[in-house]
Amino acid sequence: MGSNLDLVLAKYADPMREVNRFENSRAEGMEAHYTEKTLAKLVKRTDDVLEIGCATGRCGFFLADKCRSYLGVDLSPAHVDFFNEKIAKTGAANLTAQAGDGTRLDGIADESFDVVLGLGPMYHLPPEERDAAFAESKRVCKTGGTLIYAYINTLGVYAWASAAAPENYPNAHANECLLHLGINDIHPDLFFFTSPEAIAADAERNGLTVVKHIGTDFTLFVNVIDNMPEEKLDAWMELSDRMSESQSCVGLSNHALMVCRKL
């Protein structure tokens, strides 16, 4: 893991934080909705899947009946223990989880997986430390396989903060942190931001072919989504679906996915 390992472990010491992360509001659930929608399209029943940064297993259980096998790896022992306890309770025989480091996947052989997911590490790795995560995920992915990375968009985060808390944002300090350094102005050593163009360049420099980007939560519209009457939701979701797939809109999503191939 990166140089901020202790901060990351402290942030995720309580597994219930991840269990409940998408359940607090309609808007917060959008990230999970579009991530799962993407996985359902790209993962096949015959695939062996590795998820790096698996947290407490939400994606693992979502994929249990959609893939041949799934291995989740996470830095947090608390996450792994929670995940394994749930696997034991549910009897999901094709799911396993273990502690591990996405920048050094010890014990995992080259070309072992058809699909490799990195749905958390890029949130916490500074730019100069991302290459190790790209290299390891590429190493364990089969030639011809799919890799999917989640990342945080600088512009989406900052636009949302400015709309949600106009009494605090924008400001010169945030401009320096977000727009120039790509770091969180409140937790500068814990969260790192990027853009579709920058992370695509990182992937291509590491020998991957970028297929597309997908926006997962346009949090600029949090109040709109959460306060919307149910009768308008279907119409909103059609608009949201279009924004999610539009490469011109992805940079204004708070979180996004980058789909790559190992050719």
Protein backbone atom coordinates (compact mmCIF):
# COMPACT_ATOMS: atom_id res chain seq x y z
CA MET A 1 0.00 0.00 0.00
CA GLY A 2 1.00 3.62 -0.20
CA SER A 3 2.84 5.69 2.35
CA ASN A 4 -0.45 6.58 4.09
CA LEU A 5 -1.25 3.02 5.19
CA ASP A 6 -1.95 3.91 8.83
CA LEU A 7 -4.42 6.65 7.83
CA VAL A 8 -6.28 4.29 5.50
CA LEU A 9 -6.53 1.55 8.12
CA ALA A 10 -7.81 4.04 10.69
CA LYS A 11 -10.42 5.34 8.25
CA TYR A 12 -11.82 1.86 7.65
CA ALA A 13 -11.47 0.37 11.12
CA ASP A 14 -15.26 0.06 11.51
CA PRO A 15 -16.70 -2.32 8.90
CA MET A 16 -20.23 -0.99 9.43
CA ARG A 17 -19.19 2.27 7.80
CA GLU A 18 -18.83 0.41 4.49
CA VAL A 19 -21.87 -1.76 5.03
CA ASN A 20 -24.09 1.30 5.35
CA ARG A 21 -22.29 3.64 2.95
CA PHE A 22 -24.80 3.41 0.10
CA GLU A 23 -27.95 3.11 2.18
CA ASN A 24 -28.33 6.56 3.70
CA SER A 25 -30.04 8.26 0.77
CA ARG A 26 -31.15 7.77 -2.82
CA ALA A 27 -28.25 9.92 -4.05
CA GLU A 28 -25.63 7.99 -2.10
CA GLY A 29 -26.92 4.75 -3.60
CA MET A 30 -26.18 5.88 -7.16
CA GLU A 31 -22.51 4.89 -6.99
CA ALA A 32 -23.43 1.31 -6.10
CA HIS A 33 -26.25 1.27 -8.68
CA TYR A 34 -24.01 2.20 -11.61
CA THR A 35 -21.10 0.09 -10.41
CA GLU A 36 -23.31 -2.99 -10.22
CA LYS A 37 -24.94 -2.15 -13.55
CA THR A 38 -21.48 -2.04 -15.13
CA LEU A 39 -20.35 -5.30 -13.52
CA ALA A 40 -23.52 -7.08 -14.65
CA LYS A 41 -22.68 -6.16 -18.25
CA LEU A 42 -19.00 -7.06 -18.16
CA VAL A 43 -18.68 -10.11 -15.89
CA LYS A 44 -19.50 -13.52 -17.39
CA ARG A 45 -20.59 -16.69 -15.61
CA THR A 46 -17.32 -18.38 -16.61
CA ASP A 47 -15.09 -15.60 -15.23
CA ASP A 48 -12.71 -15.74 -12.30
CA VAL A 49 -12.85 -12.33 -10.60
CA LEU A 50 -10.41 -10.55 -8.30
CA GLU A 51 -11.51 -7.46 -6.39
CA ILE A 52 -8.74 -5.34 -4.86
CA GLY A 53 -10.16 -3.22 -2.06
CA CYS A 54 -13.20 -5.45 -1.56
CA ALA A 55 -14.29 -3.81 1.72
CA THR A 56 -17.05 -5.82 3.39
CA GLY A 57 -18.07 -7.73 0.28
CA ARG A 58 -20.94 -5.89 -1.35
CA CYS A 59 -19.61 -6.49 -4.89
CA GLY A 60 -18.59 -10.02 -4.04
CA PHE A 61 -22.10 -11.01 -3.04
CA PHE A 62 -23.53 -9.16 -6.03
CA LEU A 63 -21.27 -11.22 -8.31
CA ALA A 64 -21.71 -14.56 -6.54
CA ASP A 65 -24.21 -15.88 -9.09
CA LYS A 66 -22.64 -14.05 -12.02
CA CYS A 67 -19.09 -15.47 -12.06
CA ARG A 68 -17.30 -18.78 -11.59
CA SER A 69 -15.13 -17.64 -8.68
CA TYR A 70 -14.40 -14.46 -6.77
CA LEU A 71 -11.48 -13.48 -4.53
CA GLY A 72 -11.68 -10.29 -2.51
CA VAL A 73 -8.52 -8.65 -1.16
CA ASP A 74 -8.53 -5.77 1.31
CA LEU A 75 -6.02 -3.94 3.49
CA SER A 76 -8.39 -3.83 6.46
CA PRO A 77 -8.45 -6.97 8.63
CA ALA A 78 -11.81 -5.81 10.01
CA HIS A 79 -13.29 -5.76 6.51
CA VAL A 80 -11.91 -9.19 5.65
CA ASP A 81 -13.16 -10.74 8.89
CA PHE A 82 -16.64 -9.27 8.36
CA PHE A 83 -16.70 -10.51 4.75
CA ASN A 84 -15.56 -14.02 5.66
CA GLU A 85 -18.12 -14.28 8.46
CA LYS A 86 -20.87 -13.40 6.00
CA ILE A 87 -19.53 -15.90 3.46
CA ALA A 88 -19.67 -18.61 6.14
CA LYS A 89 -23.22 -17.65 7.10
CA THR A 90 -24.55 -17.58 3.55
CA GLY A 91 -22.62 -20.57 2.23
CA ALA A 92 -21.45 -18.72 -0.89
CA ALA A 93 -18.97 -21.39 -1.92
CA ASN A 94 -17.40 -19.51 -4.83
CA LEU A 95 -16.47 -16.44 -2.72
CA THR A 96 -13.27 -16.05 -0.72
CA ALA A 97 -11.62 -13.06 0.96
CA GLN A 98 -8.17 -12.40 2.33
CA ALA A 99 -6.06 -9.55 3.64
CA GLY A 100 -3.70 -8.09 1.09
CA ASP A 101 -2.09 -5.07 -0.49
CA GLY A 102 -3.09 -3.92 -3.98
CA THR A 103 0.39 -2.61 -4.69
CA ARG A 104 1.93 -6.00 -3.85
CA LEU A 105 -0.36 -8.95 -4.43
CA ASP A 106 1.82 -11.56 -2.75
CA GLY A 107 0.83 -15.13 -3.45
CA ILE A 108 -1.38 -14.38 -6.45
CA ALA A 109 -0.02 -15.85 -9.66
CA ASP A 110 0.41 -14.05 -12.97
CA GLU A 111 -2.57 -14.17 -15.35
CA SER A 112 -4.92 -15.73 -12.78
CA PHE A 113 -8.12 -13.73 -13.33
CA ASP A 114 -10.43 -12.85 -16.20
CA VAL A 115 -11.67 -9.69 -14.46
CA VAL A 116 -9.74 -7.54 -12.00
CA LEU A 117 -11.56 -4.83 -10.04
CA GLY A 118 -9.83 -1.96 -8.28
CA LEU A 119 -12.82 -0.21 -6.74
CA GLY A 120 -11.03 1.57 -3.91
CA PRO A 121 -7.23 1.75 -4.05
CA MET A 122 -7.04 4.71 -6.44
CA TYR A 123 -9.00 6.82 -3.94
CA HIS A 124 -6.10 6.61 -1.50
CA LEU A 125 -2.95 6.39 -3.61
CA PRO A 126 -1.08 9.59 -4.55
CA PRO A 127 -0.27 9.85 -8.26
CA GLU A 128 3.35 8.79 -7.81
CA GLU A 129 2.27 5.56 -6.10
CA ARG A 130 -0.50 4.47 -8.49
CA ASP A 131 1.83 2.75 -10.95
CA ALA A 132 2.43 -0.10 -8.48
CA ALA A 133 -1.32 -0.78 -8.27
CA PHE A 134 -1.69 -0.67 -12.05
CA ALA A 135 1.29 -2.99 -12.51
CA GLU A 136 0.04 -5.58 -10.02
CA SER A 137 -3.52 -5.62 -11.30
CA LYS A 138 -2.23 -5.98 -14.85
CA ARG A 139 0.13 -8.79 -13.80
CA VAL A 140 -2.61 -10.96 -12.29
CA CYS A 141 -5.11 -10.30 -15.11
CA LYS A 142 -5.24 -12.73 -18.01
CA THR A 143 -4.29 -11.49 -21.46
CA GLY A 144 -7.54 -10.35 -23.05
CA GLY A 145 -9.05 -9.73 -19.62
CA THR A 146 -10.96 -6.78 -18.24
CA LEU A 147 -9.81 -4.37 -15.54
CA ILE A 148 -12.13 -1.84 -13.90
CA TYR A 149 -10.85 0.96 -11.69
CA ALA A 150 -12.85 3.39 -9.56
CA TYR A 151 -11.52 6.90 -9.03
CA ILE A 152 -12.59 10.27 -7.60
CA ASN A 153 -13.02 13.19 -9.98
CA THR A 154 -11.48 16.49 -8.93
CA LEU A 155 -14.00 18.63 -10.80
CA GLY A 156 -17.03 16.63 -9.72
CA VAL A 157 -16.01 16.77 -6.06
CA TYR A 158 -15.26 20.48 -6.10
CA ALA A 159 -18.39 21.45 -8.03
CA TRP A 160 -20.50 19.45 -5.58
CA ALA A 161 -18.81 21.02 -2.54
CA SER A 162 -19.32 24.51 -3.95
CA ALA A 163 -23.02 23.84 -4.55
CA ALA A 164 -23.63 22.00 -1.28
CA ALA A 165 -21.66 24.30 1.03
CA PRO A 166 -21.44 27.74 -0.59
CA GLU A 167 -20.53 29.25 2.77
CA ASN A 168 -17.22 27.32 2.60
CA TYR A 169 -16.48 26.81 -1.09
CA PRO A 170 -14.92 27.79 -3.37
CA ASN A 171 -11.83 29.30 -1.75
CA ALA A 172 -8.16 29.82 -2.56
CA HIS A 173 -6.94 26.99 -0.31
CA ALA A 174 -9.33 24.50 -1.91
CA ASN A 175 -8.27 25.71 -5.36
CA GLU A 176 -4.66 24.94 -4.52
CA CYS A 177 -5.43 21.53 -3.01
CA LEU A 178 -7.97 20.25 -5.51
CA LEU A 179 -7.18 21.99 -8.77
CA HIS A 180 -3.40 22.08 -8.51
CA LEU A 181 -2.38 19.23 -6.19
CA GLY A 182 -5.27 16.75 -6.64
CA ILE A 183 -5.67 16.27 -2.88
CA ASN A 184 -8.52 16.64 -0.41
CA ASP A 185 -8.34 20.03 1.32
CA ILE A 186 -9.49 18.53 4.65
CA HIS A 187 -7.72 15.13 4.50
CA PRO A 188 -4.75 15.87 2.22
CA ASP A 189 -2.91 12.63 2.96
CA LEU A 190 -5.90 10.31 2.73
CA PHE A 191 -7.93 11.09 -0.40
CA PHE A 192 -6.47 11.79 -3.83
CA PHE A 193 -8.39 13.03 -6.84
CA THR A 194 -7.81 12.85 -10.57
CA SER A 195 -9.61 13.24 -13.91
CA PRO A 196 -10.68 10.87 -16.68
CA GLU A 197 -7.84 12.17 -18.86
CA ALA A 198 -5.15 11.86 -16.18
CA ILE A 199 -6.05 8.37 -14.97
CA ALA A 200 -6.41 7.16 -18.55
CA ALA A 201 -2.86 8.39 -19.19
CA ASP A 202 -1.72 6.46 -16.09
CA ALA A 203 -3.36 3.27 -17.35
CA GLU A 204 -1.96 3.62 -20.86
CA ARG A 205 1.53 4.31 -19.52
CA ASN A 206 1.23 0.96 -17.71
CA GLY A 207 0.33 -0.88 -20.90
CA LEU A 208 -3.45 -1.06 -20.58
CA THR A 209 -6.00 -0.15 -23.24
CA VAL A 210 -8.72 2.19 -21.99
CA VAL A 211 -12.19 1.24 -23.27
CA LYS A 212 -14.39 3.88 -21.62
CA HIS A 213 -15.24 5.84 -18.48
CA ILE A 214 -18.55 5.65 -16.59
CA GLY A 215 -19.91 8.25 -14.18
CA THR A 216 -21.43 6.68 -11.09
CA ASP A 217 -22.76 9.52 -8.91
CA PHE A 218 -23.42 13.03 -10.13
CA THR A 219 -23.54 14.45 -6.62
CA LEU A 220 -23.97 18.00 -7.90
CA PHE A 221 -27.62 16.93 -8.02
CA VAL A 222 -27.86 15.40 -4.52
CA ASN A 223 -30.74 17.56 -3.35
CA VAL A 224 -32.57 17.12 -6.64
CA ILE A 225 -32.35 13.33 -6.43
CA ASP A 226 -33.16 13.01 -2.74
CA ASN A 227 -36.15 15.36 -2.86
CA MET A 228 -37.58 14.12 -6.14
CA PRO A 229 -41.13 12.70 -6.08
CA GLU A 230 -41.27 9.03 -6.97
CA GLU A 231 -43.32 9.76 -10.09
CA LYS A 232 -40.39 11.72 -11.54
CA LEU A 233 -37.70 9.17 -10.71
CA ASP A 234 -38.01 7.08 -13.88
CA ALA A 235 -37.59 10.18 -16.02
CA TRP A 236 -34.61 11.28 -13.93
CA MET A 237 -32.95 7.87 -14.22
CA GLU A 238 -33.13 8.00 -18.01
CA LEU A 239 -31.28 11.33 -17.89
CA SER A 240 -28.84 9.95 -15.30
CA ASP A 241 -28.17 6.88 -17.47
CA ARG A 242 -27.28 9.14 -20.40
CA MET A 243 -24.93 11.24 -18.25
CA SER A 244 -23.31 8.12 -16.83
CA GLU A 245 -22.35 6.86 -20.28
CA SER A 246 -21.51 10.26 -21.80
CA GLN A 247 -17.76 10.76 -21.94
CA SER A 248 -18.32 14.52 -21.93
CA CYS A 249 -20.18 14.30 -18.58
CA VAL A 250 -18.09 11.78 -16.67
CA GLY A 251 -15.68 14.37 -15.25
CA LEU A 252 -18.53 15.98 -13.30
CA SER A 253 -19.39 12.74 -11.52
CA ASN A 254 -18.01 12.51 -7.98
CA HIS A 255 -16.85 8.92 -8.51
CA ALA A 256 -16.26 7.23 -11.85
CA LEU A 257 -15.15 3.92 -13.32
CA MET A 258 -12.51 3.34 -15.97
CA VAL A 259 -12.86 0.13 -17.98
CA CYS A 260 -9.62 -1.24 -19.45
CA ARG A 261 -8.40 -4.27 -21.35
CA LYS A 262 -5.12 -6.15 -21.15
CA LEU A 263 -4.27 -6.91 -24.76
